[in-house]
């Protein structure tokens, strides 16, 4: 059996075409883009081309609205800190209870160490944002609202264009962590009110260590890193040229494969999901099944531990996850599922399957072949399963 990789929301395989485009910038076109000689000018032209490729994927109006960073986390941190520093008198943040730790951890730090007030907007049992609570949290003290475009664990998509409009009504900036959404859903930032957007290369078949921040023209940005003049003075540091070139090619490929993501990959996800739910009782899909990323399925298997499932799947050559890779190792169930009020007996057994264009029907077949026996084995050892009434939790769809 071939290895089956279904953890693409954690990281993707770097596309061979991306590797091929990057290679010359390690060995031949190795100059510093800030240098005035030919080595530097060649690299500068490559950076310009890569910036335009990413601009096209995002639907940004200008290529200089793209600021390269070392990661999505750096982009998120830059945005939140900048919004507080550039808007005197505004010292509040509005976010959600299901954000990635790159946003939540900084918000918690700002609360504890700087006295910043943070409003955490709740979600319902399908992971959908409480729009009215979000609206009420916005006010004259709000510096920025930061709501993810799509959740990394459930795939649930948020109405970010509407949320940006509401933030602007309150005079606040709006940022979206779009790390999981970029390359999977169409974007046209030039027609939206989104002020800033974060992304990460390794989620769309580019290498790790390269991210980007979209900053709409006219929005002030206080740099997180100071030093050189790179990125128009918005992010000091010699550019990661191979990474930037790779991200540019990955962006171009993502646009080329967008339809495939939304059709073939979504069909694979649906077949996997349907097959598992038909074969295994006391299991259910978490998140908004009608409005989610085309590659993501989060299924809760009641009365067993997700860690046990992952270990046995790994023995079968199958890789997936129990939630965000950035929170793995915790014995607590996912903060996303807890925010959705999924019972502990189910949240502990939640598994995220995240596919990509690299996956095929054989991968789904392999999971369907081994998963029922794995769940049956773990439940036979579970005291919770033996003592339960085996009543599946039913999310409220109101």
Protein backbone atom coordinates (compact mmCIF):
# COMPACT_ATOMS: atom_id res chain seq x y z
CA UNK A 1 0.00 0.00 0.00
CA UNK A 2 1.26 3.45 -0.86
CA UNK A 3 1.52 6.09 1.89
CA UNK A 4 -1.63 8.20 2.16
CA UNK A 5 -1.20 11.83 3.15
CA UNK A 6 -4.39 13.52 4.36
CA UNK A 7 -2.93 16.28 6.53
CA UNK A 8 -2.69 19.06 3.97
CA UNK A 9 -4.10 21.72 6.30
CA UNK A 10 -0.97 21.19 8.39
CA UNK A 11 1.37 21.42 5.40
CA UNK A 12 1.41 20.49 1.74
CA UNK A 13 3.99 18.77 -0.44
CA UNK A 14 6.03 21.32 -2.37
CA UNK A 15 5.01 21.04 -6.01
CA UNK A 16 7.92 19.83 -8.20
CA UNK A 17 7.32 22.80 -10.51
CA UNK A 18 7.82 25.09 -7.53
CA UNK A 19 11.08 23.34 -6.62
CA UNK A 20 12.28 23.66 -10.21
CA UNK A 21 11.57 27.40 -10.23
CA UNK A 22 13.35 27.91 -6.92
CA UNK A 23 16.53 25.97 -7.66
CA UNK A 24 18.38 28.59 -9.76
CA UNK A 25 18.03 31.12 -6.96
CA UNK A 26 20.16 28.95 -4.70
CA UNK A 27 22.97 28.31 -7.15
CA UNK A 28 22.96 30.71 -10.12
CA UNK A 29 20.82 33.80 -9.46
CA UNK A 30 21.99 34.14 -5.88
CA UNK A 31 22.45 37.91 -5.71
CA UNK A 32 20.97 40.25 -3.12
CA UNK A 33 17.98 42.11 -4.60
CA UNK A 34 19.22 45.32 -2.96
CA UNK A 35 22.53 45.23 -4.81
CA UNK A 36 23.01 47.52 -7.82
CA UNK A 37 24.95 45.07 -10.02
CA UNK A 38 23.48 42.59 -12.52
CA UNK A 39 23.25 39.78 -9.97
CA UNK A 40 20.98 41.96 -7.84
CA UNK A 41 18.86 43.35 -10.68
CA UNK A 42 18.10 39.85 -12.00
CA UNK A 43 16.85 38.83 -8.58
CA UNK A 44 14.88 42.05 -8.22
CA UNK A 45 13.06 41.27 -11.47
CA UNK A 46 12.22 37.78 -10.20
CA UNK A 47 10.77 39.22 -6.99
CA UNK A 48 8.64 41.62 -9.01
CA UNK A 49 7.29 38.76 -11.12
CA UNK A 50 6.52 36.64 -8.05
CA UNK A 51 4.72 39.55 -6.39
CA UNK A 52 2.51 39.94 -9.45
CA UNK A 53 1.72 36.22 -9.49
CA UNK A 54 0.49 36.41 -5.89
CA UNK A 55 -1.35 39.65 -6.62
CA UNK A 56 -3.29 37.87 -9.36
CA UNK A 57 -4.31 34.98 -7.10
CA UNK A 58 -5.55 37.37 -4.40
CA UNK A 59 -7.23 39.76 -6.80
CA UNK A 60 -5.30 42.66 -5.27
CA UNK A 61 -5.28 45.98 -7.11
CA UNK A 62 -1.53 46.67 -6.85
CA UNK A 63 1.48 44.40 -6.52
CA UNK A 64 3.00 46.65 -3.87
CA UNK A 65 0.08 45.74 -1.58
CA UNK A 66 1.95 42.45 -1.01
CA UNK A 67 4.45 42.35 1.88
CA UNK A 68 6.52 39.19 2.25
CA UNK A 69 7.01 37.68 5.70
CA UNK A 70 8.59 34.56 7.15
CA UNK A 71 5.23 32.91 7.94
CA UNK A 72 1.52 33.38 8.39
CA UNK A 73 2.12 33.76 12.12
CA UNK A 74 4.47 36.69 11.56
CA UNK A 75 1.89 38.30 9.29
CA UNK A 76 -0.85 37.89 11.91
CA UNK A 77 1.33 39.33 14.67
CA UNK A 78 2.42 42.26 12.52
CA UNK A 79 -1.19 43.20 11.76
CA UNK A 80 -2.50 43.17 15.32
CA UNK A 81 0.43 45.06 16.82
CA UNK A 82 0.44 47.59 14.00
CA UNK A 83 -3.28 48.30 14.33
CA UNK A 84 -2.86 49.15 18.01
CA UNK A 85 0.19 51.35 17.42
CA UNK A 86 -1.19 53.33 14.46
CA UNK A 87 -4.56 54.20 16.03
CA UNK A 88 -4.15 56.17 19.26
CA UNK A 89 -7.20 55.92 21.50
CA UNK A 90 -8.26 52.58 20.08
CA UNK A 91 -7.11 49.76 22.34
CA UNK A 92 -9.59 46.95 21.74
CA UNK A 93 -9.54 43.93 19.43
CA UNK A 94 -12.49 41.90 18.16
CA UNK A 95 -11.79 38.32 17.14
CA UNK A 96 -13.44 34.89 17.41
CA UNK A 97 -13.18 31.96 19.78
CA UNK A 98 -12.03 29.64 16.98
CA UNK A 99 -9.04 31.55 15.56
CA UNK A 100 -5.67 29.94 14.97
CA UNK A 101 -3.21 30.18 17.90
CA UNK A 102 -1.21 32.71 15.82
CA UNK A 103 -4.00 35.18 16.61
CA UNK A 104 -5.38 33.87 19.90
CA UNK A 105 -2.03 33.53 21.69
CA UNK A 106 -1.05 37.11 20.85
CA UNK A 107 -4.48 38.41 21.91
CA UNK A 108 -4.12 36.64 25.25
CA UNK A 109 -0.62 38.07 25.68
CA UNK A 110 -1.84 41.58 24.89
CA UNK A 111 -4.62 41.22 27.46
CA UNK A 112 -2.25 40.08 30.17
CA UNK A 113 0.74 42.30 29.48
CA UNK A 114 -0.66 45.45 27.89
CA UNK A 115 -4.18 45.65 29.24
CA UNK A 116 -5.73 45.41 25.76
CA UNK A 117 -9.40 44.49 25.82
CA UNK A 118 -10.22 41.58 23.52
CA UNK A 119 -13.76 40.60 22.54
CA UNK A 120 -14.01 36.92 21.61
CA UNK A 121 -17.02 36.42 19.35
CA UNK A 122 -18.69 33.02 19.87
CA UNK A 123 -19.75 30.48 17.26
CA UNK A 124 -22.69 28.11 17.08
CA UNK A 125 -22.62 24.31 17.01
CA UNK A 126 -21.73 24.36 13.32
CA UNK A 127 -18.84 26.73 13.89
CA UNK A 128 -20.62 29.71 12.33
CA UNK A 129 -19.85 33.14 13.73
CA UNK A 130 -22.50 34.91 15.82
CA UNK A 131 -22.82 37.97 13.58
CA UNK A 132 -24.94 39.94 16.05
CA UNK A 133 -22.43 39.38 18.87
CA UNK A 134 -19.67 40.48 16.50
CA UNK A 135 -21.59 43.63 15.60
CA UNK A 136 -22.18 44.49 19.26
CA UNK A 137 -18.50 43.99 20.13
CA UNK A 138 -17.40 46.62 17.61
CA UNK A 139 -17.21 50.18 18.86
CA UNK A 140 -15.28 53.46 18.97
CA UNK A 141 -12.42 51.79 20.89
CA UNK A 142 -11.96 48.94 18.40
CA UNK A 143 -8.60 49.11 16.66
CA UNK A 144 -9.04 46.02 14.54
CA UNK A 145 -11.34 43.07 13.96
CA UNK A 146 -9.49 39.88 13.01
CA UNK A 147 -11.60 36.95 11.80
CA UNK A 148 -10.24 34.00 9.84
CA UNK A 149 -11.50 33.40 6.29
CA UNK A 150 -11.86 29.66 6.89
CA UNK A 151 -11.31 27.55 9.97
CA UNK A 152 -8.28 25.29 9.85
CA UNK A 153 -9.93 22.41 11.74
CA UNK A 154 -13.49 22.25 10.41
CA UNK A 155 -13.11 24.14 7.14
CA UNK A 156 -16.07 26.40 8.01
CA UNK A 157 -15.97 29.58 5.90
CA UNK A 158 -16.76 32.96 7.46
CA UNK A 159 -18.47 35.89 5.64
CA UNK A 160 -15.37 38.06 5.74
CA UNK A 161 -16.58 40.64 3.23
CA UNK A 162 -19.64 41.35 5.40
CA UNK A 163 -17.51 41.37 8.54
CA UNK A 164 -15.13 43.89 6.97
CA UNK A 165 -18.06 46.21 6.16
CA UNK A 166 -19.28 46.04 9.77
CA UNK A 167 -15.79 46.78 11.10
CA UNK A 168 -15.53 49.85 8.88
CA UNK A 169 -18.92 51.05 10.09
CA UNK A 170 -17.30 51.23 13.53
CA UNK A 171 -14.20 52.97 12.16
CA UNK A 172 -12.02 49.90 12.77
CA UNK A 173 -9.60 48.05 10.52
CA UNK A 174 -10.40 44.53 9.35
CA UNK A 175 -7.93 41.66 8.97
CA UNK A 176 -8.48 38.06 7.96
CA UNK A 177 -6.18 35.11 8.54
CA UNK A 178 -6.67 33.43 5.16
CA UNK A 179 -3.92 30.85 5.54
CA UNK A 180 -6.30 27.96 4.83
CA UNK A 181 -8.46 29.72 2.25
CA UNK A 182 -5.87 31.07 -0.19
CA UNK A 183 -5.72 28.84 -3.24
CA UNK A 184 -8.92 26.98 -2.32
CA UNK A 185 -11.57 29.69 -2.75
CA UNK A 186 -11.70 32.55 -5.26
CA UNK A 187 -10.62 35.97 -3.97
CA UNK A 188 -11.01 39.46 -5.36
CA UNK A 189 -9.58 41.78 -2.73
CA UNK A 190 -9.79 44.89 -4.89
CA UNK A 191 -13.58 44.78 -4.66
CA UNK A 192 -13.74 44.03 -0.92
CA UNK A 193 -13.31 46.15 2.20
CA UNK A 194 -10.70 43.81 3.67
CA UNK A 195 -7.76 45.90 4.87
CA UNK A 196 -5.22 43.16 5.54
CA UNK A 197 -4.91 39.44 4.84
CA UNK A 198 -2.36 36.86 5.99
CA UNK A 199 -1.22 33.75 4.13
CA UNK A 200 1.44 31.06 4.32
CA UNK A 201 3.25 29.38 1.44
CA UNK A 202 3.40 25.87 2.82
CA UNK A 203 -0.39 25.57 2.79
CA UNK A 204 -0.53 25.88 -1.01
CA UNK A 205 2.36 23.70 -2.21
CA UNK A 206 5.10 26.29 -1.68
CA UNK A 207 7.94 25.81 0.85
CA UNK A 208 7.85 26.44 4.57
CA UNK A 209 9.37 29.67 5.85
CA UNK A 210 7.64 32.04 3.45
CA UNK A 211 4.42 33.94 4.10
CA UNK A 212 2.83 37.14 2.94
CA UNK A 213 0.65 39.96 4.15
CA UNK A 214 -1.75 41.86 1.91
CA UNK A 215 -2.05 45.50 3.01
CA UNK A 216 -4.62 47.54 1.12
CA UNK A 217 -3.25 50.76 -0.31
CA UNK A 218 -3.66 53.60 2.16
CA UNK A 219 -3.65 51.41 5.27
CA UNK A 220 -0.83 52.33 7.62
CA UNK A 221 1.46 49.49 8.68
CA UNK A 222 3.96 49.71 11.51
CA UNK A 223 6.75 47.19 10.80
CA UNK A 224 7.37 44.38 13.25
CA UNK A 225 10.99 44.03 12.11
CA UNK A 226 13.16 47.13 11.73
CA UNK A 227 16.48 47.46 9.97
CA UNK A 228 16.76 47.63 6.20
CA UNK A 229 14.51 49.21 3.61
CA UNK A 230 13.16 45.98 2.16
CA UNK A 231 9.44 45.64 1.33
CA UNK A 232 9.13 49.43 1.07
CA UNK A 233 10.25 49.75 4.67
CA UNK A 234 7.43 47.54 5.95
CA UNK A 235 9.45 44.41 6.74
CA UNK A 236 13.19 44.65 7.22
CA UNK A 237 15.31 41.61 6.36
CA UNK A 238 17.06 40.35 3.25
CA UNK A 239 14.40 38.72 1.12
CA UNK A 240 14.00 34.95 1.07
CA UNK A 241 14.30 34.97 -2.71
CA UNK A 242 13.89 31.21 -3.39
CA UNK A 243 10.87 31.12 -1.08
CA UNK A 244 9.29 34.18 -2.68
CA UNK A 245 9.83 32.81 -6.19
CA UNK A 246 8.39 29.47 -5.07
CA UNK A 247 5.34 31.14 -3.56
CA UNK A 248 4.79 33.05 -6.80
CA UNK A 249 4.77 29.87 -8.87
CA UNK A 250 2.59 28.12 -6.28
CA UNK A 251 0.11 31.01 -6.51
CA UNK A 252 -0.02 30.67 -10.28
CA UNK A 253 -0.56 26.91 -9.99
CA UNK A 254 -3.24 27.40 -7.33
CA UNK A 255 -5.19 29.62 -9.69
CA UNK A 256 -4.78 27.04 -12.44
CA UNK A 257 -6.05 24.23 -10.17
CA UNK A 258 -8.80 26.19 -8.37
CA UNK A 259 -11.61 24.45 -10.26
CA UNK A 260 -10.06 21.07 -9.49
CA UNK A 261 -9.95 21.92 -5.78
CA UNK A 262 -13.63 22.77 -5.81
CA UNK A 263 -14.76 19.78 -7.85
CA UNK A 264 -12.53 16.70 -7.91
CA UNK A 265 -10.96 17.27 -4.48
CA UNK A 266 -14.34 18.12 -2.96
CA UNK A 267 -15.80 14.95 -4.47
CA UNK A 268 -13.01 12.88 -2.92
CA UNK A 269 -13.67 14.52 0.45
CA UNK A 270 -17.40 13.81 0.18
CA UNK A 271 -16.84 10.17 -0.78
CA UNK A 272 -14.48 9.67 2.15
CA UNK A 273 -16.93 11.30 4.52
CA UNK A 274 -19.97 9.41 3.27
CA UNK A 275 -18.11 6.12 3.32
CA UNK A 276 -16.92 6.54 6.90
CA UNK A 277 -20.33 7.57 8.22
CA UNK A 278 -21.98 4.60 6.47
CA UNK A 279 -19.49 2.13 7.94
CA UNK A 280 -19.06 3.58 11.43
CA UNK A 281 -21.82 4.40 13.88
CA UNK A 282 -21.75 7.11 16.53
CA UNK A 283 -19.82 9.50 14.34
CA UNK A 284 -20.72 12.88 12.85
CA UNK A 285 -19.22 15.70 10.81
CA UNK A 286 -18.31 18.85 12.70
CA UNK A 287 -18.53 22.34 11.22
CA UNK A 288 -20.76 23.79 8.54
CA UNK A 289 -21.15 21.04 5.94
CA UNK A 290 -22.84 23.45 3.50
CA UNK A 291 -20.24 26.21 3.67
CA UNK A 292 -16.71 24.94 4.12
CA UNK A 293 -13.43 24.43 2.33
CA UNK A 294 -13.61 21.83 -0.44
CA UNK A 295 -10.75 19.76 0.98
CA UNK A 296 -11.58 19.54 4.69
CA UNK A 297 -13.60 17.04 6.72
CA UNK A 298 -13.54 16.90 10.51
CA UNK A 299 -15.32 13.82 11.85
CA UNK A 300 -15.92 13.11 15.53
CA UNK A 301 -15.88 9.44 16.51
CA UNK A 302 -17.56 9.15 19.88
CA UNK A 303 -16.17 7.44 23.01
CA UNK A 304 -12.58 6.95 21.78
CA UNK A 305 -9.38 9.00 21.78
CA UNK A 306 -8.22 10.68 18.59
CA UNK A 307 -4.61 9.96 19.50
CA UNK A 308 -5.28 6.22 19.34
CA UNK A 309 -6.90 6.58 15.93
CA UNK A 310 -3.94 8.55 14.61
CA UNK A 311 -1.40 6.01 15.88
CA UNK A 312 -3.21 3.07 14.30
CA UNK A 313 -3.76 4.95 11.04
CA UNK A 314 -0.07 5.79 10.99
CA UNK A 315 0.75 2.07 11.21
CA UNK A 316 -1.33 1.67 8.07
CA UNK A 317 0.65 4.39 6.31
CA UNK A 318 -2.12 6.99 6.62
CA UNK A 319 -1.42 10.50 7.91
CA UNK A 320 -4.11 12.85 9.19
CA UNK A 321 -4.53 14.87 12.39
CA UNK A 322 -6.70 15.55 15.41
CA UNK A 323 -6.74 19.31 14.84
CA UNK A 324 -4.28 22.15 14.34
CA UNK A 325 -0.66 21.05 14.08
CA UNK A 326 0.19 24.12 16.19
CA UNK A 327 -1.76 22.74 19.16
CA UNK A 328 -0.85 19.06 18.89
CA UNK A 329 0.49 17.46 22.04
CA UNK A 330 -2.24 18.90 24.23
CA UNK A 331 -4.41 16.44 26.13
CA UNK A 332 -7.29 18.90 25.97
CA UNK A 333 -9.72 18.61 23.08
CA UNK A 334 -9.55 21.22 20.36
CA UNK A 335 -10.46 24.77 21.41
CA UNK A 336 -12.44 24.99 18.17
CA UNK A 337 -14.66 22.03 19.05
CA UNK A 338 -15.03 23.23 22.63
CA UNK A 339 -16.17 26.62 21.33
CA UNK A 340 -18.76 24.74 19.23
CA UNK A 341 -19.88 22.94 22.42
CA UNK A 342 -19.13 19.50 21.01
CA UNK A 343 -19.31 17.07 23.98
CA UNK A 344 -15.98 15.88 25.35
CA UNK A 345 -16.91 12.28 24.53
CA UNK A 346 -16.94 13.26 20.86
CA UNK A 347 -14.40 16.11 20.76
CA UNK A 348 -11.65 13.81 22.05
CA UNK A 349 -12.21 11.51 19.07
CA UNK A 350 -12.33 14.14 16.33
CA UNK A 351 -10.11 13.53 13.30
CA UNK A 352 -9.36 16.04 10.56
CA UNK A 353 -8.91 14.71 7.05
CA UNK A 354 -7.53 17.43 4.75
CA UNK A 355 -6.96 16.57 1.11
CA UNK A 356 -5.16 18.23 -1.78
CA UNK A 357 -4.86 17.91 -5.55
CA UNK A 358 -2.20 15.24 -4.90
CA UNK A 359 -4.83 12.82 -3.56
CA UNK A 360 -6.64 10.17 -5.58
CA UNK A 361 -9.45 7.63 -5.25
CA UNK A 362 -7.01 4.99 -4.00
CA UNK A 363 -6.28 7.12 -0.95
CA UNK A 364 -9.95 7.24 -0.01
CA UNK A 365 -10.30 3.49 -0.60
CA UNK A 366 -7.40 2.78 1.72
CA UNK A 367 -8.87 4.83 4.58
CA UNK A 368 -12.30 3.25 4.15
CA UNK A 369 -10.71 -0.21 4.22
CA UNK A 370 -8.98 0.19 7.59
CA UNK A 371 -10.88 2.83 9.56
CA UNK A 372 -13.91 0.74 10.67
CA UNK A 373 -11.69 -1.94 12.22
CA UNK A 374 -9.56 0.70 13.96
CA UNK A 375 -12.59 2.35 15.54
CA UNK A 376 -14.07 -1.01 16.54
CA UNK A 377 -10.81 -2.05 18.19
CA UNK A 378 -10.47 1.18 20.16
CA UNK A 379 -14.09 1.14 21.27
CA UNK A 380 -13.74 -2.43 22.52
CA UNK A 381 -11.06 -1.10 24.89
CA UNK A 382 -12.95 2.05 25.91
CA UNK A 383 -14.76 2.08 29.28
CA UNK A 384 -16.77 5.07 28.00
CA UNK A 385 -18.07 3.06 25.05
CA UNK A 386 -19.06 0.13 27.28
CA UNK A 387 -20.95 2.36 29.71
CA UNK A 388 -22.49 4.73 27.16
CA UNK A 389 -26.00 4.70 25.79
CA UNK A 390 -24.42 5.22 22.38
CA UNK A 391 -26.51 8.26 21.50
CA UNK A 392 -24.82 10.37 18.85
CA UNK A 393 -24.58 14.10 19.56
CA UNK A 394 -26.76 16.03 17.12
CA UNK A 395 -25.52 19.56 16.35
CA UNK A 396 -28.11 22.31 16.30
CA UNK A 397 -28.59 23.59 12.77
CA UNK A 398 -30.69 26.63 13.60
